[in-house]
């Protein structure tokens, strides 16, 4: 029943999607369908360092997008992070390169995302699998350089 509710929520958000990109929303698409999350953007060193630490919960359709100035090798950890998270590692064109599912709260083991990563989307743990989000999925967000984007804002 909970899975049906999550799927219905994702469909409602996807159905409400429109072509205009806004900073507080990100859209994902793939063979599995389309989903949209309301996000916070962490685009400077301090915001990226803080991330989602110390939060006890996060809405089902919420997340945080980490934006780097240029593509690079990145690794995350769960220090002071109290909720399980899926980490979606994305290149400069908006193409999902790697997904780490269900990162363990408070674990300080580095979670490598790969080379040439410019964006990392954190969502609730298990959500990527529930929605079917896979490597090769695409994102749409104004932080992606539009001339390079695999799914540009319209």
C-alpha atoms as a PDB file:
ATOM      1  CA  UNK A   1       0.000   0.000   0.000  1.00  0.00           C
ATOM      2  CA  UNK A   2       2.828   2.404   0.871  1.00  0.00           C
ATOM      3  CA  UNK A   3       4.513   1.642  -2.462  1.00  0.00           C
ATOM      4  CA  UNK A   4       1.293   2.528  -4.298  1.00  0.00           C
ATOM      5  CA  UNK A   5       1.083   5.806  -2.384  1.00  0.00           C
ATOM      6  CA  UNK A   6       4.684   6.666  -3.320  1.00  0.00           C
ATOM      7  CA  UNK A   7       4.054   5.803  -6.963  1.00  0.00           C
ATOM      8  CA  UNK A   8       0.882   7.891  -6.977  1.00  0.00           C
ATOM      9  CA  UNK A   9       2.757  10.798  -5.408  1.00  0.00           C
ATOM     10  CA  UNK A  10       5.479  10.585  -8.071  1.00  0.00           C
ATOM     11  CA  UNK A  11       2.849  10.458 -10.832  1.00  0.00           C
ATOM     12  CA  UNK A  12       1.038  13.483  -9.432  1.00  0.00           C
ATOM     13  CA  UNK A  13       4.296  15.426  -9.296  1.00  0.00           C
ATOM     14  CA  UNK A  14       5.241  14.226 -12.772  1.00  0.00           C
ATOM     15  CA  UNK A  15       1.819  15.141 -14.138  1.00  0.00           C
ATOM     16  CA  UNK A  16       2.108  18.604 -12.673  1.00  0.00           C
ATOM     17  CA  UNK A  17       5.491  19.139 -14.303  1.00  0.00           C
ATOM     18  CA  UNK A  18       5.858  21.886 -16.827  1.00  0.00           C
ATOM     19  CA  UNK A  19       8.705  22.862 -19.075  1.00  0.00           C
ATOM     20  CA  UNK A  20       9.910  25.885 -17.091  1.00  0.00           C
ATOM     21  CA  UNK A  21      12.865  25.129 -14.828  1.00  0.00           C
ATOM     22  CA  UNK A  22      12.942  26.630 -11.357  1.00  0.00           C
ATOM     23  CA  UNK A  23      15.679  26.484  -8.726  1.00  0.00           C
ATOM     24  CA  UNK A  24      13.630  24.684  -6.074  1.00  0.00           C
ATOM     25  CA  UNK A  25      12.531  21.763  -8.286  1.00  0.00           C
ATOM     26  CA  UNK A  26      14.354  19.050 -10.185  1.00  0.00           C
ATOM     27  CA  UNK A  27      12.891  16.667 -12.719  1.00  0.00           C
ATOM     28  CA  UNK A  28      14.238  13.234 -13.602  1.00  0.00           C
ATOM     29  CA  UNK A  29      13.271  11.040 -16.537  1.00  0.00           C
ATOM     30  CA  UNK A  30      14.195   7.695 -18.011  1.00  0.00           C
ATOM     31  CA  UNK A  31      12.678   4.516 -19.412  1.00  0.00           C
ATOM     32  CA  UNK A  32      10.995   4.175 -16.018  1.00  0.00           C
ATOM     33  CA  UNK A  33       8.999   7.430 -16.389  1.00  0.00           C
ATOM     34  CA  UNK A  34       9.330  10.921 -14.897  1.00  0.00           C
ATOM     35  CA  UNK A  35       9.514  12.255 -11.340  1.00  0.00           C
ATOM     36  CA  UNK A  36       9.912  15.673  -9.769  1.00  0.00           C
ATOM     37  CA  UNK A  37      11.298  16.623  -6.371  1.00  0.00           C
ATOM     38  CA  UNK A  38      11.171  19.892  -4.457  1.00  0.00           C
ATOM     39  CA  UNK A  39      14.783  20.587  -3.536  1.00  0.00           C
ATOM     40  CA  UNK A  40      17.148  22.799  -1.659  1.00  0.00           C
ATOM     41  CA  UNK A  41      20.262  23.769  -3.616  1.00  0.00           C
ATOM     42  CA  UNK A  42      23.689  23.583  -1.954  1.00  0.00           C
ATOM     43  CA  UNK A  43      25.961  25.487  -4.313  1.00  0.00           C
ATOM     44  CA  UNK A  44      28.721  26.858  -2.116  1.00  0.00           C
ATOM     45  CA  UNK A  45      31.315  25.233   0.131  1.00  0.00           C
ATOM     46  CA  UNK A  46      29.449  25.918   3.398  1.00  0.00           C
ATOM     47  CA  UNK A  47      26.077  24.683   2.134  1.00  0.00           C
ATOM     48  CA  UNK A  48      27.639  21.533   0.652  1.00  0.00           C
ATOM     49  CA  UNK A  49      29.490  20.846   3.927  1.00  0.00           C
ATOM     50  CA  UNK A  50      26.252  21.157   5.938  1.00  0.00           C
ATOM     51  CA  UNK A  51      24.088  19.179   3.508  1.00  0.00           C
ATOM     52  CA  UNK A  52      21.257  17.316   5.199  1.00  0.00           C
ATOM     53  CA  UNK A  53      23.044  16.849   8.533  1.00  0.00           C
ATOM     54  CA  UNK A  54      21.032  16.844  11.773  1.00  0.00           C
ATOM     55  CA  UNK A  55      17.634  16.466  10.083  1.00  0.00           C
ATOM     56  CA  UNK A  56      15.336  13.865  11.553  1.00  0.00           C
ATOM     57  CA  UNK A  57      13.089  13.533   8.500  1.00  0.00           C
ATOM     58  CA  UNK A  58      12.520  14.732   4.959  1.00  0.00           C
ATOM     59  CA  UNK A  59       9.311  14.858   2.927  1.00  0.00           C
ATOM     60  CA  UNK A  60       8.868  12.012   0.433  1.00  0.00           C
ATOM     61  CA  UNK A  61       9.156  14.279  -2.595  1.00  0.00           C
ATOM     62  CA  UNK A  62      11.987  16.441  -1.219  1.00  0.00           C
ATOM     63  CA  UNK A  63      15.734  16.399  -1.680  1.00  0.00           C
ATOM     64  CA  UNK A  64      18.925  18.407  -1.888  1.00  0.00           C
ATOM     65  CA  UNK A  65      20.947  19.135  -5.014  1.00  0.00           C
ATOM     66  CA  UNK A  66      24.680  19.678  -4.504  1.00  0.00           C
ATOM     67  CA  UNK A  67      26.130  21.825  -7.292  1.00  0.00           C
ATOM     68  CA  UNK A  68      29.873  22.052  -7.976  1.00  0.00           C
ATOM     69  CA  UNK A  69      31.567  24.748 -10.057  1.00  0.00           C
ATOM     70  CA  UNK A  70      33.076  22.164 -12.418  1.00  0.00           C
ATOM     71  CA  UNK A  71      33.049  18.384 -12.977  1.00  0.00           C
ATOM     72  CA  UNK A  72      35.278  16.528 -10.515  1.00  0.00           C
ATOM     73  CA  UNK A  73      35.723  13.358  -8.474  1.00  0.00           C
ATOM     74  CA  UNK A  74      33.405  13.479  -5.446  1.00  0.00           C
ATOM     75  CA  UNK A  75      32.826  11.313  -2.386  1.00  0.00           C
ATOM     76  CA  UNK A  76      30.186  11.782   0.301  1.00  0.00           C
ATOM     77  CA  UNK A  77      29.742  10.444   3.812  1.00  0.00           C
ATOM     78  CA  UNK A  78      26.919  10.387   6.318  1.00  0.00           C
ATOM     79  CA  UNK A  79      28.544  12.172   9.270  1.00  0.00           C
ATOM     80  CA  UNK A  80      25.778  13.678  11.427  1.00  0.00           C
ATOM     81  CA  UNK A  81      23.155  12.625   8.868  1.00  0.00           C
ATOM     82  CA  UNK A  82      20.251  10.982  10.678  1.00  0.00           C
ATOM     83  CA  UNK A  83      18.153   9.659   7.778  1.00  0.00           C
ATOM     84  CA  UNK A  84      19.040   7.066   5.115  1.00  0.00           C
ATOM     85  CA  UNK A  85      19.642   8.650   1.720  1.00  0.00           C
ATOM     86  CA  UNK A  86      19.980   7.704  -1.922  1.00  0.00           C
ATOM     87  CA  UNK A  87      22.809   9.632  -3.579  1.00  0.00           C
ATOM     88  CA  UNK A  88      22.455  10.210  -7.300  1.00  0.00           C
ATOM     89  CA  UNK A  89      25.710  11.296  -8.953  1.00  0.00           C
ATOM     90  CA  UNK A  90      25.265  13.324 -12.156  1.00  0.00           C
ATOM     91  CA  UNK A  91      27.657  14.654 -14.795  1.00  0.00           C
ATOM     92  CA  UNK A  92      27.798  18.174 -16.254  1.00  0.00           C
ATOM     93  CA  UNK A  93      25.200  17.342 -18.943  1.00  0.00           C
ATOM     94  CA  UNK A  94      22.600  16.153 -16.428  1.00  0.00           C
ATOM     95  CA  UNK A  95      23.133  12.413 -17.057  1.00  0.00           C
ATOM     96  CA  UNK A  96      23.000  10.108 -14.018  1.00  0.00           C
ATOM     97  CA  UNK A  97      26.343   8.291 -13.774  1.00  0.00           C
ATOM     98  CA  UNK A  98      26.018   6.408 -10.481  1.00  0.00           C
ATOM     99  CA  UNK A  99      23.488   5.768  -7.730  1.00  0.00           C
ATOM    100  CA  UNK A 100      24.328   4.797  -4.164  1.00  0.00           C
ATOM    101  CA  UNK A 101      21.191   3.534  -2.461  1.00  0.00           C
ATOM    102  CA  UNK A 102      20.342   3.633   1.228  1.00  0.00           C
ATOM    103  CA  UNK A 103      23.438   5.288   2.632  1.00  0.00           C
ATOM    104  CA  UNK A 104      23.594   4.365   6.324  1.00  0.00           C
ATOM    105  CA  UNK A 105      22.904   7.187   8.794  1.00  0.00           C
ATOM    106  CA  UNK A 106      25.966   8.400  10.748  1.00  0.00           C
ATOM    107  CA  UNK A 107      28.386   6.204   8.744  1.00  0.00           C
ATOM    108  CA  UNK A 108      31.638   8.030   7.999  1.00  0.00           C
ATOM    109  CA  UNK A 109      32.798   5.618   5.297  1.00  0.00           C
ATOM    110  CA  UNK A 110      33.423   7.586   2.083  1.00  0.00           C
ATOM    111  CA  UNK A 111      30.903   6.926  -0.707  1.00  0.00           C
ATOM    112  CA  UNK A 112      32.623   7.593  -4.037  1.00  0.00           C
ATOM    113  CA  UNK A 113      30.465   8.968  -6.831  1.00  0.00           C
ATOM    114  CA  UNK A 114      32.957   8.652  -9.660  1.00  0.00           C
ATOM    115  CA  UNK A 115      34.900  11.024 -11.862  1.00  0.00           C
ATOM    116  CA  UNK A 116      33.518  14.055 -13.700  1.00  0.00           C
ATOM    117  CA  UNK A 117      30.570  14.593 -11.361  1.00  0.00           C
ATOM    118  CA  UNK A 118      29.113  18.098 -11.167  1.00  0.00           C
ATOM    119  CA  UNK A 119      25.825  17.431  -9.339  1.00  0.00           C
ATOM    120  CA  UNK A 120      24.689  15.118  -6.560  1.00  0.00           C
ATOM    121  CA  UNK A 121      21.011  14.700  -5.746  1.00  0.00           C
ATOM    122  CA  UNK A 122      20.160  13.321  -2.315  1.00  0.00           C
ATOM    123  CA  UNK A 123      16.673  11.900  -1.810  1.00  0.00           C
ATOM    124  CA  UNK A 124      15.139   9.634   0.823  1.00  0.00           C
ATOM    125  CA  UNK A 125      16.745   6.208   1.046  1.00  0.00           C
ATOM    126  CA  UNK A 126      15.094   3.601  -1.180  1.00  0.00           C
ATOM    127  CA  UNK A 127      13.259   6.169  -3.316  1.00  0.00           C
ATOM    128  CA  UNK A 128      15.481   5.679  -6.407  1.00  0.00           C
ATOM    129  CA  UNK A 129      14.702   1.967  -6.447  1.00  0.00           C
ATOM    130  CA  UNK A 130      10.985   2.495  -5.747  1.00  0.00           C
ATOM    131  CA  UNK A 131      10.669   4.908  -8.648  1.00  0.00           C
ATOM    132  CA  UNK A 132      12.987   2.937 -10.936  1.00  0.00           C
ATOM    133  CA  UNK A 133      15.604   5.701 -11.276  1.00  0.00           C
ATOM    134  CA  UNK A 134      18.685   4.205 -12.950  1.00  0.00           C
ATOM    135  CA  UNK A 135      22.076   5.156 -14.309  1.00  0.00           C
ATOM    136  CA  UNK A 136      21.445   6.824 -17.645  1.00  0.00           C
ATOM    137  CA  UNK A 137      18.426   8.732 -16.332  1.00  0.00           C
ATOM    138  CA  UNK A 138      18.420  12.462 -17.070  1.00  0.00           C
ATOM    139  CA  UNK A 139      17.794  15.519 -14.925  1.00  0.00           C
ATOM    140  CA  UNK A 140      16.401  18.921 -15.811  1.00  0.00           C
ATOM    141  CA  UNK A 141      17.400  21.876 -13.644  1.00  0.00           C
ATOM    142  CA  UNK A 142      18.618  25.435 -14.331  1.00  0.00           C
ATOM    143  CA  UNK A 143      22.022  24.656 -12.746  1.00  0.00           C
ATOM    144  CA  UNK A 144      22.874  22.428 -15.723  1.00  0.00           C
ATOM    145  CA  UNK A 145      24.555  24.441 -18.499  1.00  0.00           C
ATOM    146  CA  UNK A 146      21.694  24.549 -20.995  1.00  0.00           C
ATOM    147  CA  UNK A 147      23.863  24.338 -24.121  1.00  0.00           C
ATOM    148  CA  UNK A 148      25.303  21.057 -22.797  1.00  0.00           C
ATOM    149  CA  UNK A 149      22.172  19.611 -21.158  1.00  0.00           C
ATOM    150  CA  UNK A 150      20.809  16.236 -22.276  1.00  0.00           C
ATOM    151  CA  UNK A 151      17.370  17.501 -21.133  1.00  0.00           C
ATOM    152  CA  UNK A 152      17.411  21.307 -21.375  1.00  0.00           C
ATOM    153  CA  UNK A 153      14.922  23.707 -19.841  1.00  0.00           C
ATOM    154  CA  UNK A 154      12.420  24.896 -22.414  1.00  0.00           C
END
